[in-house]
């Protein structure tokens, strides 16, 4: 797991918590911010996945 993958997972978790708290207290803005944080986290995970794939290809000598 690389840094982007780890950061993305943390952001997703924090976003889910923020969204749940917003729903609990009836605050639509907090729900939306939580959802946005989750989307950002998923994007970071995807970037980390791509980095890992590229690194593995380079280490195995594949060309692009």
N, C-alpha and C. Protein backbone atom coordinates (compact mmCIF):
# COMPACT_ATOMS: atom_id res chain seq x y z
N UNK A 1 0.85 -1.17 0.00
CA UNK A 1 0.00 0.00 0.00
C UNK A 1 0.90 1.24 0.00
N UNK A 2 0.61 2.15 -0.92
CA UNK A 2 1.41 3.37 -0.97
C UNK A 2 0.68 4.51 -0.25
N UNK A 3 1.34 5.64 -0.21
CA UNK A 3 0.83 6.79 0.55
C UNK A 3 -0.54 7.27 0.06
N UNK A 4 -0.71 7.34 -1.25
CA UNK A 4 -2.00 7.80 -1.79
C UNK A 4 -3.13 6.84 -1.45
N UNK A 5 -2.85 5.55 -1.49
CA UNK A 5 -3.87 4.57 -1.13
C UNK A 5 -4.26 4.72 0.34
N UNK A 6 -3.26 4.86 1.21
CA UNK A 6 -3.54 5.01 2.64
C UNK A 6 -4.29 6.31 2.93
N UNK A 7 -3.83 7.41 2.34
CA UNK A 7 -4.51 8.69 2.54
C UNK A 7 -5.95 8.63 2.03
N UNK A 8 -6.14 7.97 0.90
CA UNK A 8 -7.48 7.85 0.34
C UNK A 8 -8.41 7.07 1.24
N UNK A 9 -7.91 6.00 1.83
CA UNK A 9 -8.74 5.20 2.74
C UNK A 9 -9.14 6.00 3.97
N UNK A 10 -8.19 6.77 4.49
CA UNK A 10 -8.49 7.62 5.65
C UNK A 10 -9.53 8.67 5.29
N UNK A 11 -9.37 9.29 4.11
CA UNK A 11 -10.34 10.31 3.69
C UNK A 11 -11.73 9.72 3.51
N UNK A 12 -11.80 8.52 2.95
CA UNK A 12 -13.11 7.86 2.79
C UNK A 12 -13.75 7.61 4.14
N UNK A 13 -12.97 7.12 5.08
CA UNK A 13 -13.51 6.84 6.41
C UNK A 13 -13.99 8.13 7.09
N UNK A 14 -13.16 9.17 7.04
CA UNK A 14 -13.55 10.44 7.65
C UNK A 14 -14.79 11.03 6.97
N UNK A 15 -14.87 10.87 5.66
CA UNK A 15 -16.04 11.35 4.93
C UNK A 15 -17.31 10.62 5.33
N UNK A 16 -17.21 9.31 5.52
CA UNK A 16 -18.38 8.54 5.95
C UNK A 16 -18.83 8.99 7.34
N UNK A 17 -17.86 9.23 8.21
CA UNK A 17 -18.20 9.70 9.56
C UNK A 17 -18.86 11.07 9.49
N UNK A 18 -18.26 11.98 8.72
CA UNK A 18 -18.81 13.33 8.60
C UNK A 18 -20.21 13.30 8.00
N UNK A 19 -20.42 12.46 7.02
CA UNK A 19 -21.73 12.36 6.40
C UNK A 19 -22.75 11.81 7.40
N UNK A 20 -22.36 10.80 8.17
CA UNK A 20 -23.27 10.22 9.16
C UNK A 20 -23.61 11.22 10.26
N UNK A 21 -22.62 11.97 10.71
CA UNK A 21 -22.87 12.99 11.74
C UNK A 21 -23.81 14.06 11.18
N UNK A 22 -23.56 14.48 9.96
CA UNK A 22 -24.43 15.47 9.33
C UNK A 22 -25.86 14.98 9.22
N UNK A 23 -26.02 13.71 8.87
CA UNK A 23 -27.35 13.12 8.77
C UNK A 23 -28.00 13.08 10.15
N UNK A 24 -27.22 12.71 11.17
CA UNK A 24 -27.73 12.59 12.53
C UNK A 24 -28.22 13.92 13.08
N UNK A 25 -27.44 14.99 12.82
CA UNK A 25 -27.82 16.30 13.36
C UNK A 25 -28.70 17.10 12.39
N UNK A 26 -28.96 16.53 11.23
CA UNK A 26 -29.83 17.19 10.26
C UNK A 26 -29.17 18.34 9.52
N UNK A 27 -27.86 18.24 9.30
CA UNK A 27 -27.11 19.30 8.64
C UNK A 27 -26.72 18.84 7.23
N UNK A 28 -27.44 19.32 6.24
CA UNK A 28 -27.21 18.92 4.85
C UNK A 28 -25.81 19.31 4.38
N UNK A 29 -25.30 20.44 4.83
CA UNK A 29 -23.97 20.89 4.41
C UNK A 29 -22.89 19.91 4.86
N UNK A 30 -22.99 19.43 6.09
CA UNK A 30 -22.01 18.47 6.59
C UNK A 30 -22.13 17.13 5.85
N UNK A 31 -23.35 16.76 5.51
CA UNK A 31 -23.54 15.53 4.74
C UNK A 31 -22.85 15.65 3.38
N UNK A 32 -23.03 16.79 2.75
CA UNK A 32 -22.43 17.02 1.43
C UNK A 32 -20.91 17.05 1.53
N UNK A 33 -20.38 17.73 2.54
CA UNK A 33 -18.92 17.77 2.72
C UNK A 33 -18.36 16.37 2.95
N UNK A 34 -19.08 15.58 3.72
CA UNK A 34 -18.65 14.20 3.95
C UNK A 34 -18.63 13.39 2.66
N UNK A 35 -19.66 13.57 1.85
CA UNK A 35 -19.72 12.87 0.57
C UNK A 35 -18.57 13.32 -0.34
N UNK A 36 -18.29 14.62 -0.37
CA UNK A 36 -17.18 15.13 -1.18
C UNK A 36 -15.86 14.56 -0.70
N UNK A 37 -15.69 14.45 0.59
CA UNK A 37 -14.46 13.88 1.15
C UNK A 37 -14.31 12.42 0.73
N UNK A 38 -15.42 11.69 0.69
CA UNK A 38 -15.37 10.30 0.25
C UNK A 38 -14.94 10.19 -1.21
N UNK A 39 -15.49 11.06 -2.05
CA UNK A 39 -15.14 11.06 -3.48
C UNK A 39 -13.66 11.38 -3.65
N UNK A 40 -13.16 12.36 -2.91
CA UNK A 40 -11.75 12.71 -2.97
C UNK A 40 -10.89 11.53 -2.54
N UNK A 41 -11.31 10.86 -1.48
CA UNK A 41 -10.58 9.69 -1.00
C UNK A 41 -10.54 8.58 -2.04
N UNK A 42 -11.66 8.34 -2.71
CA UNK A 42 -11.70 7.30 -3.73
C UNK A 42 -10.79 7.66 -4.91
N UNK A 43 -10.72 8.94 -5.24
CA UNK A 43 -9.83 9.38 -6.31
C UNK A 43 -8.37 9.15 -5.91
N UNK A 44 -8.03 9.44 -4.66
CA UNK A 44 -6.66 9.22 -4.19
C UNK A 44 -6.31 7.74 -4.21
N UNK A 45 -7.28 6.90 -3.86
CA UNK A 45 -7.05 5.45 -3.91
C UNK A 45 -6.77 5.03 -5.35
N UNK A 46 -7.55 5.55 -6.30
CA UNK A 46 -7.35 5.21 -7.71
C UNK A 46 -5.98 5.67 -8.20
N UNK A 47 -5.55 6.85 -7.78
CA UNK A 47 -4.22 7.35 -8.14
C UNK A 47 -3.16 6.42 -7.58
N UNK A 48 -3.33 6.04 -6.32
CA UNK A 48 -2.38 5.12 -5.70
C UNK A 48 -2.33 3.78 -6.40
N UNK A 49 -3.49 3.28 -6.81
CA UNK A 49 -3.54 2.01 -7.55
C UNK A 49 -2.78 2.13 -8.87
N UNK A 50 -2.99 3.24 -9.57
CA UNK A 50 -2.29 3.46 -10.84
C UNK A 50 -0.78 3.54 -10.62
N UNK A 51 -0.37 4.24 -9.57
CA UNK A 51 1.06 4.34 -9.26
C UNK A 51 1.66 2.96 -9.01
N UNK A 52 0.93 2.14 -8.29
CA UNK A 52 1.41 0.80 -7.96
C UNK A 52 1.54 -0.06 -9.22
N UNK A 53 0.56 0.03 -10.11
CA UNK A 53 0.61 -0.73 -11.36
C UNK A 53 1.79 -0.29 -12.22
N UNK A 54 1.97 1.02 -12.34
CA UNK A 54 3.08 1.54 -13.15
C UNK A 54 4.41 1.12 -12.55
N UNK A 55 4.53 1.21 -11.24
CA UNK A 55 5.78 0.82 -10.58
C UNK A 55 6.07 -0.66 -10.82
N UNK A 56 5.04 -1.50 -10.71
CA UNK A 56 5.23 -2.93 -10.95
C UNK A 56 5.64 -3.21 -12.39
N UNK A 57 5.05 -2.49 -13.34
CA UNK A 57 5.41 -2.67 -14.75
C UNK A 57 6.85 -2.25 -15.01
N UNK A 58 7.25 -1.15 -14.42
CA UNK A 58 8.62 -0.67 -14.60
C UNK A 58 9.61 -1.66 -13.99
N UNK A 59 9.29 -2.16 -12.80
CA UNK A 59 10.18 -3.11 -12.14
C UNK A 59 10.30 -4.42 -12.91
N UNK A 60 9.27 -4.78 -13.66
CA UNK A 60 9.30 -6.01 -14.45
C UNK A 60 9.85 -5.79 -15.85
N UNK A 61 10.14 -4.55 -16.18
CA UNK A 61 10.74 -4.24 -17.47
C UNK A 61 9.76 -4.06 -18.61
N UNK A 62 8.50 -3.85 -18.32
CA UNK A 62 7.52 -3.61 -19.37
C UNK A 62 7.68 -2.19 -19.90
N UNK A 63 7.38 -2.03 -21.17
CA UNK A 63 7.41 -0.68 -21.74
C UNK A 63 5.99 -0.23 -22.03
N UNK A 64 5.81 1.07 -22.12
CA UNK A 64 4.49 1.64 -22.38
C UNK A 64 4.41 2.15 -23.79
